[in-house]
ModelCIF file with pLDDT and N, C-alpha, C, O atoms, coordinates in Angstrom:
data_MODEL
#
_entry.id   MODEL 
#
_entity.id                         1 
_entity.type                       polymer 
_entity.pdbx_number_of_molecules   1 
#
_entity_poly.entity_id                      1 
_entity_poly.type                           'polypeptide(L)' 
_entity_poly.nstd_linkage                   no 
_entity_poly.nstd_monomer                   no 
_entity_poly.pdbx_seq_one_letter_code       FVKRTASILHADLDSFYASVEQRDDPALRGRPVAAGGGVVLAASYEAK 
_entity_poly.pdbx_seq_one_letter_code_can   FVKRTASILHADLDSFYASVEQRDDPALRGRPVAAGGGVVLAASYEAK 
_entity_poly.pdbx_strand_id                 A 
#
loop_
_entity_poly_seq.entity_id 
_entity_poly_seq.num 
_entity_poly_seq.mon_id 
_entity_poly_seq.hetero 
1 1  PHE n 
1 2  VAL n 
1 3  LYS n 
1 4  ARG n 
1 5  THR n 
1 6  ALA n 
1 7  SER n 
1 8  ILE n 
1 9  LEU n 
1 10 HIS n 
1 11 ALA n 
1 12 ASP n 
1 13 LEU n 
1 14 ASP n 
1 15 SER n 
1 16 PHE n 
1 17 TYR n 
1 18 ALA n 
1 19 SER n 
1 20 VAL n 
1 21 GLU n 
1 22 GLN n 
1 23 ARG n 
1 24 ASP n 
1 25 ASP n 
1 26 PRO n 
1 27 ALA n 
1 28 LEU n 
1 29 ARG n 
1 30 GLY n 
1 31 ARG n 
1 32 PRO n 
1 33 VAL n 
1 34 ALA n 
1 35 ALA n 
1 36 GLY n 
1 37 GLY n 
1 38 GLY n 
1 39 VAL n 
1 40 VAL n 
1 41 LEU n 
1 42 ALA n 
1 43 ALA n 
1 44 SER n 
1 45 TYR n 
1 46 GLU n 
1 47 ALA n 
1 48 LYS n 
#
_struct_asym.id          A 
_struct_asym.entity_id   1 
#
loop_
_ma_qa_metric.id 
_ma_qa_metric.mode 
_ma_qa_metric.name 
_ma_qa_metric.software_group_id 
_ma_qa_metric.type 
1 global pLDDT . pLDDT 
2 local  pLDDT . pLDDT 
#
_ma_qa_metric_global.metric_id      1 
_ma_qa_metric_global.metric_value   89.38 
_ma_qa_metric_global.model_id       1 
_ma_qa_metric_global.ordinal_id     1 
#
loop_
_ma_qa_metric_local.label_asym_id 
_ma_qa_metric_local.label_comp_id 
_ma_qa_metric_local.label_seq_id 
_ma_qa_metric_local.metric_id 
_ma_qa_metric_local.metric_value 
_ma_qa_metric_local.model_id 
_ma_qa_metric_local.ordinal_id 
A PHE 1  2 39.00 1 1  
A VAL 2  2 40.00 1 2  
A LYS 3  2 51.00 1 3  
A ARG 4  2 70.00 1 4  
A THR 5  2 84.00 1 5  
A ALA 6  2 91.00 1 6  
A SER 7  2 93.00 1 7  
A ILE 8  2 96.00 1 8  
A LEU 9  2 97.00 1 9  
A HIS 10 2 97.00 1 10 
A ALA 11 2 97.00 1 11 
A ASP 12 2 96.00 1 12 
A LEU 13 2 96.00 1 13 
A ASP 14 2 95.00 1 14 
A SER 15 2 93.00 1 15 
A PHE 16 2 93.00 1 16 
A TYR 17 2 92.00 1 17 
A ALA 18 2 95.00 1 18 
A SER 19 2 96.00 1 19 
A VAL 20 2 96.00 1 20 
A GLU 21 2 97.00 1 21 
A GLN 22 2 97.00 1 22 
A ARG 23 2 96.00 1 23 
A ASP 24 2 96.00 1 24 
A ASP 25 2 96.00 1 25 
A PRO 26 2 94.00 1 26 
A ALA 27 2 97.00 1 27 
A LEU 28 2 97.00 1 28 
A ARG 29 2 95.00 1 29 
A GLY 30 2 95.00 1 30 
A ARG 31 2 97.00 1 31 
A PRO 32 2 97.00 1 32 
A VAL 33 2 97.00 1 33 
A ALA 34 2 95.00 1 34 
A ALA 35 2 91.00 1 35 
A GLY 36 2 83.00 1 36 
A GLY 37 2 74.00 1 37 
A GLY 38 2 78.00 1 38 
A VAL 39 2 80.00 1 39 
A VAL 40 2 86.00 1 40 
A LEU 41 2 83.00 1 41 
A ALA 42 2 88.00 1 42 
A ALA 43 2 94.00 1 43 
A SER 44 2 96.00 1 44 
A TYR 45 2 95.00 1 45 
A GLU 46 2 96.00 1 46 
A ALA 47 2 97.00 1 47 
A LYS 48 2 96.00 1 48 
#
loop_
_atom_site.group_PDB 
_atom_site.id 
_atom_site.type_symbol 
_atom_site.label_atom_id 
_atom_site.label_alt_id 
_atom_site.label_comp_id 
_atom_site.label_asym_id 
_atom_site.label_entity_id 
_atom_site.label_seq_id 
_atom_site.pdbx_PDB_ins_code 
_atom_site.Cartn_x 
_atom_site.Cartn_y 
_atom_site.Cartn_z 
_atom_site.occupancy 
_atom_site.B_iso_or_equiv 
_atom_site.pdbx_formal_charge 
_atom_site.auth_seq_id 
_atom_site.auth_comp_id 
_atom_site.auth_asym_id 
_atom_site.auth_atom_id 
_atom_site.pdbx_PDB_model_num 
ATOM 1   N N  . PHE A 1 1  ? 273.312 77.981 128.977 1.00 39.00 ? 1  PHE A N  1 
ATOM 2   C CA . PHE A 1 1  ? 272.413 78.047 129.795 1.00 39.00 ? 1  PHE A CA 1 
ATOM 3   C C  . PHE A 1 1  ? 272.457 76.991 130.791 1.00 39.00 ? 1  PHE A C  1 
ATOM 4   O O  . PHE A 1 1  ? 272.491 75.811 130.441 1.00 39.00 ? 1  PHE A O  1 
ATOM 5   N N  . VAL A 1 2  ? 272.458 77.358 132.060 1.00 40.00 ? 2  VAL A N  1 
ATOM 6   C CA . VAL A 1 2  ? 272.351 76.154 133.175 1.00 40.00 ? 2  VAL A CA 1 
ATOM 7   C C  . VAL A 1 2  ? 271.075 76.372 133.971 1.00 40.00 ? 2  VAL A C  1 
ATOM 8   O O  . VAL A 1 2  ? 270.781 77.366 134.634 1.00 40.00 ? 2  VAL A O  1 
ATOM 9   N N  . LYS A 1 3  ? 270.304 75.155 133.766 1.00 51.00 ? 3  LYS A N  1 
ATOM 10  C CA . LYS A 1 3  ? 269.078 75.285 134.428 1.00 51.00 ? 3  LYS A CA 1 
ATOM 11  C C  . LYS A 1 3  ? 269.167 75.383 136.197 1.00 51.00 ? 3  LYS A C  1 
ATOM 12  O O  . LYS A 1 3  ? 269.852 74.599 136.854 1.00 51.00 ? 3  LYS A O  1 
ATOM 13  N N  . ARG A 1 4  ? 268.546 76.219 136.653 1.00 70.00 ? 4  ARG A N  1 
ATOM 14  C CA . ARG A 1 4  ? 268.641 76.247 138.123 1.00 70.00 ? 4  ARG A CA 1 
ATOM 15  C C  . ARG A 1 4  ? 267.738 75.076 138.620 1.00 70.00 ? 4  ARG A C  1 
ATOM 16  O O  . ARG A 1 4  ? 266.655 74.737 138.143 1.00 70.00 ? 4  ARG A O  1 
ATOM 17  N N  . THR A 1 5  ? 268.452 74.489 139.753 1.00 84.00 ? 5  THR A N  1 
ATOM 18  C CA . THR A 1 5  ? 267.790 73.486 140.272 1.00 84.00 ? 5  THR A CA 1 
ATOM 19  C C  . THR A 1 5  ? 267.311 73.687 141.672 1.00 84.00 ? 5  THR A C  1 
ATOM 20  O O  . THR A 1 5  ? 267.980 74.411 142.410 1.00 84.00 ? 5  THR A O  1 
ATOM 21  N N  . ALA A 1 6  ? 266.283 73.150 142.087 1.00 91.00 ? 6  ALA A N  1 
ATOM 22  C CA . ALA A 1 6  ? 265.723 73.141 143.689 1.00 91.00 ? 6  ALA A CA 1 
ATOM 23  C C  . ALA A 1 6  ? 266.370 71.944 144.152 1.00 91.00 ? 6  ALA A C  1 
ATOM 24  O O  . ALA A 1 6  ? 265.997 70.812 143.844 1.00 91.00 ? 6  ALA A O  1 
ATOM 25  N N  . SER A 1 7  ? 267.440 72.239 144.969 1.00 93.00 ? 7  SER A N  1 
ATOM 26  C CA . SER A 1 7  ? 268.071 70.999 145.596 1.00 93.00 ? 7  SER A CA 1 
ATOM 27  C C  . SER A 1 7  ? 268.346 71.005 147.034 1.00 93.00 ? 7  SER A C  1 
ATOM 28  O O  . SER A 1 7  ? 269.101 70.188 147.561 1.00 93.00 ? 7  SER A O  1 
ATOM 29  N N  . ILE A 1 8  ? 267.655 72.041 147.741 1.00 96.00 ? 8  ILE A N  1 
ATOM 30  C CA . ILE A 1 8  ? 267.713 72.275 149.197 1.00 96.00 ? 8  ILE A CA 1 
ATOM 31  C C  . ILE A 1 8  ? 266.454 71.891 149.829 1.00 96.00 ? 8  ILE A C  1 
ATOM 32  O O  . ILE A 1 8  ? 265.390 72.429 149.523 1.00 96.00 ? 8  ILE A O  1 
ATOM 33  N N  . LEU A 1 9  ? 266.555 70.998 150.678 1.00 97.00 ? 9  LEU A N  1 
ATOM 34  C CA . LEU A 1 9  ? 265.188 70.523 151.540 1.00 97.00 ? 9  LEU A CA 1 
ATOM 35  C C  . LEU A 1 9  ? 265.420 71.136 152.825 1.00 97.00 ? 9  LEU A C  1 
ATOM 36  O O  . LEU A 1 9  ? 266.523 71.247 153.361 1.00 97.00 ? 9  LEU A O  1 
ATOM 37  N N  . HIS A 1 10 ? 264.029 71.628 153.406 1.00 97.00 ? 10 HIS A N  1 
ATOM 38  C CA . HIS A 1 10 ? 263.728 72.046 154.753 1.00 97.00 ? 10 HIS A CA 1 
ATOM 39  C C  . HIS A 1 10 ? 262.840 70.936 155.219 1.00 97.00 ? 10 HIS A C  1 
ATOM 40  O O  . HIS A 1 10 ? 261.720 70.798 154.727 1.00 97.00 ? 10 HIS A O  1 
ATOM 41  N N  . ALA A 1 11 ? 263.327 70.087 156.211 1.00 97.00 ? 11 ALA A N  1 
ATOM 42  C CA . ALA A 1 11 ? 262.541 69.105 156.876 1.00 97.00 ? 11 ALA A CA 1 
ATOM 43  C C  . ALA A 1 11 ? 262.118 69.589 158.181 1.00 97.00 ? 11 ALA A C  1 
ATOM 44  O O  . ALA A 1 11 ? 262.879 70.136 158.979 1.00 97.00 ? 11 ALA A O  1 
ATOM 45  N N  . ASP A 1 12 ? 260.734 69.345 158.395 1.00 96.00 ? 12 ASP A N  1 
ATOM 46  C CA . ASP A 1 12 ? 260.237 69.888 159.619 1.00 96.00 ? 12 ASP A CA 1 
ATOM 47  C C  . ASP A 1 12 ? 259.404 69.118 160.191 1.00 96.00 ? 12 ASP A C  1 
ATOM 48  O O  . ASP A 1 12 ? 258.300 69.013 159.657 1.00 96.00 ? 12 ASP A O  1 
ATOM 49  N N  . LEU A 1 13 ? 259.694 68.316 161.504 1.00 96.00 ? 13 LEU A N  1 
ATOM 50  C CA . LEU A 1 13 ? 258.691 67.524 162.115 1.00 96.00 ? 13 LEU A CA 1 
ATOM 51  C C  . LEU A 1 13 ? 257.258 68.197 162.391 1.00 96.00 ? 13 LEU A C  1 
ATOM 52  O O  . LEU A 1 13 ? 257.349 69.302 162.927 1.00 96.00 ? 13 LEU A O  1 
ATOM 53  N N  . ASP A 1 14 ? 256.084 67.792 162.157 1.00 95.00 ? 14 ASP A N  1 
ATOM 54  C CA . ASP A 1 14 ? 254.835 68.308 162.429 1.00 95.00 ? 14 ASP A CA 1 
ATOM 55  C C  . ASP A 1 14 ? 254.480 68.500 163.894 1.00 95.00 ? 14 ASP A C  1 
ATOM 56  O O  . ASP A 1 14 ? 254.208 67.419 164.417 1.00 95.00 ? 14 ASP A O  1 
ATOM 57  N N  . SER A 1 15 ? 254.410 69.382 164.597 1.00 93.00 ? 15 SER A N  1 
ATOM 58  C CA . SER A 1 15 ? 253.934 69.448 166.142 1.00 93.00 ? 15 SER A CA 1 
ATOM 59  C C  . SER A 1 15 ? 254.653 68.454 166.635 1.00 93.00 ? 15 SER A C  1 
ATOM 60  O O  . SER A 1 15 ? 254.099 67.376 166.850 1.00 93.00 ? 15 SER A O  1 
ATOM 61  N N  . PHE A 1 16 ? 255.911 68.620 166.881 1.00 93.00 ? 16 PHE A N  1 
ATOM 62  C CA . PHE A 1 16 ? 256.847 67.622 167.296 1.00 93.00 ? 16 PHE A CA 1 
ATOM 63  C C  . PHE A 1 16 ? 256.470 66.826 168.520 1.00 93.00 ? 16 PHE A C  1 
ATOM 64  O O  . PHE A 1 16 ? 256.130 65.645 168.445 1.00 93.00 ? 16 PHE A O  1 
ATOM 65  N N  . TYR A 1 17 ? 256.541 67.530 169.698 1.00 92.00 ? 17 TYR A N  1 
ATOM 66  C CA . TYR A 1 17 ? 256.220 67.032 170.921 1.00 92.00 ? 17 TYR A CA 1 
ATOM 67  C C  . TYR A 1 17 ? 254.971 66.328 170.901 1.00 92.00 ? 17 TYR A C  1 
ATOM 68  O O  . TYR A 1 17 ? 254.960 65.143 171.236 1.00 92.00 ? 17 TYR A O  1 
ATOM 69  N N  . ALA A 1 18 ? 253.917 66.910 170.550 1.00 95.00 ? 18 ALA A N  1 
ATOM 70  C CA . ALA A 1 18 ? 252.417 66.480 170.456 1.00 95.00 ? 18 ALA A CA 1 
ATOM 71  C C  . ALA A 1 18 ? 252.519 65.119 169.564 1.00 95.00 ? 18 ALA A C  1 
ATOM 72  O O  . ALA A 1 18 ? 252.096 64.052 170.007 1.00 95.00 ? 18 ALA A O  1 
ATOM 73  N N  . SER A 1 19 ? 253.017 65.217 168.478 1.00 96.00 ? 19 SER A N  1 
ATOM 74  C CA . SER A 1 19 ? 253.241 63.976 167.747 1.00 96.00 ? 19 SER A CA 1 
ATOM 75  C C  . SER A 1 19 ? 253.838 62.724 168.220 1.00 96.00 ? 19 SER A C  1 
ATOM 76  O O  . SER A 1 19 ? 253.517 61.588 167.873 1.00 96.00 ? 19 SER A O  1 
ATOM 77  N N  . VAL A 1 20 ? 254.815 63.096 169.121 1.00 96.00 ? 20 VAL A N  1 
ATOM 78  C CA . VAL A 1 20 ? 255.490 61.851 169.969 1.00 96.00 ? 20 VAL A CA 1 
ATOM 79  C C  . VAL A 1 20 ? 254.542 61.435 170.740 1.00 96.00 ? 20 VAL A C  1 
ATOM 80  O O  . VAL A 1 20 ? 254.325 60.227 170.831 1.00 96.00 ? 20 VAL A O  1 
ATOM 81  N N  . GLU A 1 21 ? 253.820 62.335 171.419 1.00 97.00 ? 21 GLU A N  1 
ATOM 82  C CA . GLU A 1 21 ? 252.872 61.811 172.556 1.00 97.00 ? 21 GLU A CA 1 
ATOM 83  C C  . GLU A 1 21 ? 251.620 61.023 171.740 1.00 97.00 ? 21 GLU A C  1 
ATOM 84  O O  . GLU A 1 21 ? 251.202 60.015 172.310 1.00 97.00 ? 21 GLU A O  1 
ATOM 85  N N  . GLN A 1 22 ? 251.055 61.345 170.606 1.00 97.00 ? 22 GLN A N  1 
ATOM 86  C CA . GLN A 1 22 ? 250.204 60.760 169.876 1.00 97.00 ? 22 GLN A CA 1 
ATOM 87  C C  . GLN A 1 22 ? 250.728 59.258 169.280 1.00 97.00 ? 22 GLN A C  1 
ATOM 88  O O  . GLN A 1 22 ? 250.014 58.260 169.173 1.00 97.00 ? 22 GLN A O  1 
ATOM 89  N N  . ARG A 1 23 ? 252.018 59.350 168.957 1.00 96.00 ? 23 ARG A N  1 
ATOM 90  C CA . ARG A 1 23 ? 252.495 58.080 168.405 1.00 96.00 ? 23 ARG A CA 1 
ATOM 91  C C  . ARG A 1 23 ? 252.589 56.981 169.685 1.00 96.00 ? 23 ARG A C  1 
ATOM 92  O O  . ARG A 1 23 ? 252.261 55.796 169.620 1.00 96.00 ? 23 ARG A O  1 
ATOM 93  N N  . ASP A 1 24 ? 253.091 57.642 170.792 1.00 96.00 ? 24 ASP A N  1 
ATOM 94  C CA . ASP A 1 24 ? 253.323 56.686 171.864 1.00 96.00 ? 24 ASP A CA 1 
ATOM 95  C C  . ASP A 1 24 ? 251.936 56.206 172.703 1.00 96.00 ? 24 ASP A C  1 
ATOM 96  O O  . ASP A 1 24 ? 251.881 55.221 173.440 1.00 96.00 ? 24 ASP A O  1 
ATOM 97  N N  . ASP A 1 25 ? 250.934 57.052 172.439 1.00 96.00 ? 25 ASP A N  1 
ATOM 98  C CA . ASP A 1 25 ? 249.739 56.554 173.007 1.00 96.00 ? 25 ASP A CA 1 
ATOM 99  C C  . ASP A 1 25 ? 248.437 56.686 171.936 1.00 96.00 ? 25 ASP A C  1 
ATOM 100 O O  . ASP A 1 25 ? 247.928 57.762 171.621 1.00 96.00 ? 25 ASP A O  1 
ATOM 101 N N  . PRO A 1 26 ? 248.079 55.579 171.524 1.00 94.00 ? 26 PRO A N  1 
ATOM 102 C CA . PRO A 1 26 ? 247.173 55.493 170.337 1.00 94.00 ? 26 PRO A CA 1 
ATOM 103 C C  . PRO A 1 26 ? 245.732 56.230 170.687 1.00 94.00 ? 26 PRO A C  1 
ATOM 104 O O  . PRO A 1 26 ? 244.943 56.593 169.815 1.00 94.00 ? 26 PRO A O  1 
ATOM 105 N N  . ALA A 1 27 ? 245.493 56.410 172.289 1.00 97.00 ? 27 ALA A N  1 
ATOM 106 C CA . ALA A 1 27 ? 244.299 56.955 172.753 1.00 97.00 ? 27 ALA A CA 1 
ATOM 107 C C  . ALA A 1 27 ? 244.054 58.524 172.322 1.00 97.00 ? 27 ALA A C  1 
ATOM 108 O O  . ALA A 1 27 ? 243.001 59.149 172.192 1.00 97.00 ? 27 ALA A O  1 
ATOM 109 N N  . LEU A 1 28 ? 245.400 58.917 172.153 1.00 97.00 ? 28 LEU A N  1 
ATOM 110 C CA . LEU A 1 28 ? 245.450 60.433 171.900 1.00 97.00 ? 28 LEU A CA 1 
ATOM 111 C C  . LEU A 1 28 ? 245.483 60.889 170.472 1.00 97.00 ? 28 LEU A C  1 
ATOM 112 O O  . LEU A 1 28 ? 245.537 62.090 170.207 1.00 97.00 ? 28 LEU A O  1 
ATOM 113 N N  . ARG A 1 29 ? 245.450 59.892 169.473 1.00 95.00 ? 29 ARG A N  1 
ATOM 114 C CA . ARG A 1 29 ? 245.502 60.212 168.146 1.00 95.00 ? 29 ARG A CA 1 
ATOM 115 C C  . ARG A 1 29 ? 244.118 60.726 167.864 1.00 95.00 ? 29 ARG A C  1 
ATOM 116 O O  . ARG A 1 29 ? 243.102 60.257 168.378 1.00 95.00 ? 29 ARG A O  1 
ATOM 117 N N  . GLY A 1 30 ? 244.152 61.757 166.982 1.00 95.00 ? 30 GLY A N  1 
ATOM 118 C CA . GLY A 1 30 ? 242.750 62.276 166.358 1.00 95.00 ? 30 GLY A CA 1 
ATOM 119 C C  . GLY A 1 30 ? 242.374 63.305 167.566 1.00 95.00 ? 30 GLY A C  1 
ATOM 120 O O  . GLY A 1 30 ? 241.406 64.020 167.305 1.00 95.00 ? 30 GLY A O  1 
ATOM 121 N N  . ARG A 1 31 ? 242.845 63.460 168.568 1.00 97.00 ? 31 ARG A N  1 
ATOM 122 C CA . ARG A 1 31 ? 242.180 64.204 169.674 1.00 97.00 ? 31 ARG A CA 1 
ATOM 123 C C  . ARG A 1 31 ? 243.304 65.452 169.933 1.00 97.00 ? 31 ARG A C  1 
ATOM 124 O O  . ARG A 1 31 ? 244.520 65.309 169.798 1.00 97.00 ? 31 ARG A O  1 
ATOM 125 N N  . PRO A 1 32 ? 242.645 66.666 170.324 1.00 97.00 ? 32 PRO A N  1 
ATOM 126 C CA . PRO A 1 32 ? 243.504 67.678 170.738 1.00 97.00 ? 32 PRO A CA 1 
ATOM 127 C C  . PRO A 1 32 ? 244.336 67.622 171.942 1.00 97.00 ? 32 PRO A C  1 
ATOM 128 O O  . PRO A 1 32 ? 243.879 67.610 173.085 1.00 97.00 ? 32 PRO A O  1 
ATOM 129 N N  . VAL A 1 33 ? 245.617 67.588 171.625 1.00 97.00 ? 33 VAL A N  1 
ATOM 130 C CA . VAL A 1 33 ? 246.535 67.263 172.800 1.00 97.00 ? 33 VAL A CA 1 
ATOM 131 C C  . VAL A 1 33 ? 247.482 68.610 172.999 1.00 97.00 ? 33 VAL A C  1 
ATOM 132 O O  . VAL A 1 33 ? 247.755 69.375 172.074 1.00 97.00 ? 33 VAL A O  1 
ATOM 133 N N  . ALA A 1 34 ? 247.846 68.735 174.102 1.00 95.00 ? 34 ALA A N  1 
ATOM 134 C CA . ALA A 1 34 ? 248.976 69.640 174.468 1.00 95.00 ? 34 ALA A CA 1 
ATOM 135 C C  . ALA A 1 34 ? 249.993 68.949 175.507 1.00 95.00 ? 34 ALA A C  1 
ATOM 136 O O  . ALA A 1 34 ? 249.658 68.251 176.464 1.00 95.00 ? 34 ALA A O  1 
ATOM 137 N N  . ALA A 1 35 ? 251.087 69.230 175.189 1.00 91.00 ? 35 ALA A N  1 
ATOM 138 C CA . ALA A 1 35 ? 252.395 68.722 176.084 1.00 91.00 ? 35 ALA A CA 1 
ATOM 139 C C  . ALA A 1 35 ? 252.605 69.798 177.015 1.00 91.00 ? 35 ALA A C  1 
ATOM 140 O O  . ALA A 1 35 ? 252.458 70.927 176.547 1.00 91.00 ? 35 ALA A O  1 
ATOM 141 N N  . GLY A 1 36 ? 252.895 69.706 178.151 1.00 83.00 ? 36 GLY A N  1 
ATOM 142 C CA . GLY A 1 36 ? 253.017 70.736 179.100 1.00 83.00 ? 36 GLY A CA 1 
ATOM 143 C C  . GLY A 1 36 ? 252.515 70.770 180.485 1.00 83.00 ? 36 GLY A C  1 
ATOM 144 O O  . GLY A 1 36 ? 252.808 69.792 181.172 1.00 83.00 ? 36 GLY A O  1 
ATOM 145 N N  . GLY A 1 37 ? 251.845 71.666 181.006 1.00 74.00 ? 37 GLY A N  1 
ATOM 146 C CA . GLY A 1 37 ? 251.470 71.633 182.279 1.00 74.00 ? 37 GLY A CA 1 
ATOM 147 C C  . GLY A 1 37 ? 251.634 72.878 182.852 1.00 74.00 ? 37 GLY A C  1 
ATOM 148 O O  . GLY A 1 37 ? 252.760 73.206 183.223 1.00 74.00 ? 37 GLY A O  1 
ATOM 149 N N  . GLY A 1 38 ? 250.583 73.715 183.002 1.00 78.00 ? 38 GLY A N  1 
ATOM 150 C CA . GLY A 1 38 ? 250.777 75.161 183.313 1.00 78.00 ? 38 GLY A CA 1 
ATOM 151 C C  . GLY A 1 38 ? 250.767 76.028 182.109 1.00 78.00 ? 38 GLY A C  1 
ATOM 152 O O  . GLY A 1 38 ? 249.984 76.943 181.857 1.00 78.00 ? 38 GLY A O  1 
ATOM 153 N N  . VAL A 1 39 ? 251.642 75.644 181.494 1.00 80.00 ? 39 VAL A N  1 
ATOM 154 C CA . VAL A 1 39 ? 251.850 76.443 179.899 1.00 80.00 ? 39 VAL A CA 1 
ATOM 155 C C  . VAL A 1 39 ? 252.038 75.494 179.033 1.00 80.00 ? 39 VAL A C  1 
ATOM 156 O O  . VAL A 1 39 ? 252.779 74.532 179.237 1.00 80.00 ? 39 VAL A O  1 
ATOM 157 N N  . VAL A 1 40 ? 251.233 75.731 177.757 1.00 86.00 ? 40 VAL A N  1 
ATOM 158 C CA . VAL A 1 40 ? 251.368 74.832 176.682 1.00 86.00 ? 40 VAL A CA 1 
ATOM 159 C C  . VAL A 1 40 ? 252.709 74.899 176.058 1.00 86.00 ? 40 VAL A C  1 
ATOM 160 O O  . VAL A 1 40 ? 253.101 75.943 175.538 1.00 86.00 ? 40 VAL A O  1 
ATOM 161 N N  . LEU A 1 41 ? 253.465 73.766 176.091 1.00 83.00 ? 41 LEU A N  1 
ATOM 162 C CA . LEU A 1 41 ? 254.797 73.634 175.297 1.00 83.00 ? 41 LEU A CA 1 
ATOM 163 C C  . LEU A 1 41 ? 254.768 73.307 173.817 1.00 83.00 ? 41 LEU A C  1 
ATOM 164 O O  . LEU A 1 41 ? 255.623 73.682 173.016 1.00 83.00 ? 41 LEU A O  1 
ATOM 165 N N  . ALA A 1 42 ? 253.655 72.538 173.517 1.00 88.00 ? 42 ALA A N  1 
ATOM 166 C CA . ALA A 1 42 ? 253.303 72.093 172.127 1.00 88.00 ? 42 ALA A CA 1 
ATOM 167 C C  . ALA A 1 42 ? 251.963 71.794 172.156 1.00 88.00 ? 42 ALA A C  1 
ATOM 168 O O  . ALA A 1 42 ? 251.370 71.497 173.193 1.00 88.00 ? 42 ALA A O  1 
ATOM 169 N N  . ALA A 1 43 ? 251.403 71.863 170.958 1.00 94.00 ? 43 ALA A N  1 
ATOM 170 C CA . ALA A 1 43 ? 249.862 71.594 170.796 1.00 94.00 ? 43 ALA A CA 1 
ATOM 171 C C  . ALA A 1 43 ? 249.709 70.932 169.376 1.00 94.00 ? 43 ALA A C  1 
ATOM 172 O O  . ALA A 1 43 ? 250.228 71.439 168.381 1.00 94.00 ? 43 ALA A O  1 
ATOM 173 N N  . SER A 1 44 ? 248.965 69.767 169.334 1.00 96.00 ? 44 SER A N  1 
ATOM 174 C CA . SER A 1 44 ? 248.809 68.933 168.148 1.00 96.00 ? 44 SER A CA 1 
ATOM 175 C C  . SER A 1 44 ? 247.869 69.814 167.134 1.00 96.00 ? 44 SER A C  1 
ATOM 176 O O  . SER A 1 44 ? 247.287 70.782 167.625 1.00 96.00 ? 44 SER A O  1 
ATOM 177 N N  . TYR A 1 45 ? 247.687 69.515 165.698 1.00 95.00 ? 45 TYR A N  1 
ATOM 178 C CA . TYR A 1 45 ? 247.106 70.276 164.744 1.00 95.00 ? 45 TYR A CA 1 
ATOM 179 C C  . TYR A 1 45 ? 245.558 70.131 165.211 1.00 95.00 ? 45 TYR A C  1 
ATOM 180 O O  . TYR A 1 45 ? 244.768 71.018 164.888 1.00 95.00 ? 45 TYR A O  1 
ATOM 181 N N  . GLU A 1 46 ? 245.176 69.146 165.881 1.00 96.00 ? 46 GLU A N  1 
ATOM 182 C CA . GLU A 1 46 ? 243.675 69.173 166.357 1.00 96.00 ? 46 GLU A CA 1 
ATOM 183 C C  . GLU A 1 46 ? 243.449 70.292 167.374 1.00 96.00 ? 46 GLU A C  1 
ATOM 184 O O  . GLU A 1 46 ? 242.349 70.840 167.458 1.00 96.00 ? 46 GLU A O  1 
ATOM 185 N N  . ALA A 1 47 ? 244.353 70.591 168.050 1.00 97.00 ? 47 ALA A N  1 
ATOM 186 C CA . ALA A 1 47 ? 244.312 71.546 169.259 1.00 97.00 ? 47 ALA A CA 1 
ATOM 187 C C  . ALA A 1 47 ? 244.457 72.959 168.608 1.00 97.00 ? 47 ALA A C  1 
ATOM 188 O O  . ALA A 1 47 ? 243.726 73.884 168.960 1.00 97.00 ? 47 ALA A O  1 
ATOM 189 N N  . LYS A 1 48 ? 245.451 73.105 167.616 1.00 96.00 ? 48 LYS A N  1 
ATOM 190 C CA . LYS A 1 48 ? 245.673 74.421 166.910 1.00 96.00 ? 48 LYS A CA 1 
ATOM 191 C C  . LYS A 1 48 ? 244.508 74.947 166.255 1.00 96.00 ? 48 LYS A C  1 
ATOM 192 O O  . LYS A 1 48 ? 244.571 76.015 165.647 1.00 96.00 ? 48 LYS A O  1 
#
């Protein structure tokens, strides 16, 4: 008997563009943020 193992990782950055904006501008942290202009390209979890 060979025990099956869970050895595949799926790594996914959270709200990537918006998280970069919040990282680089502390004033945006915890606030609803959208990257784009005209059309939303990415939204923070606060905005979602």
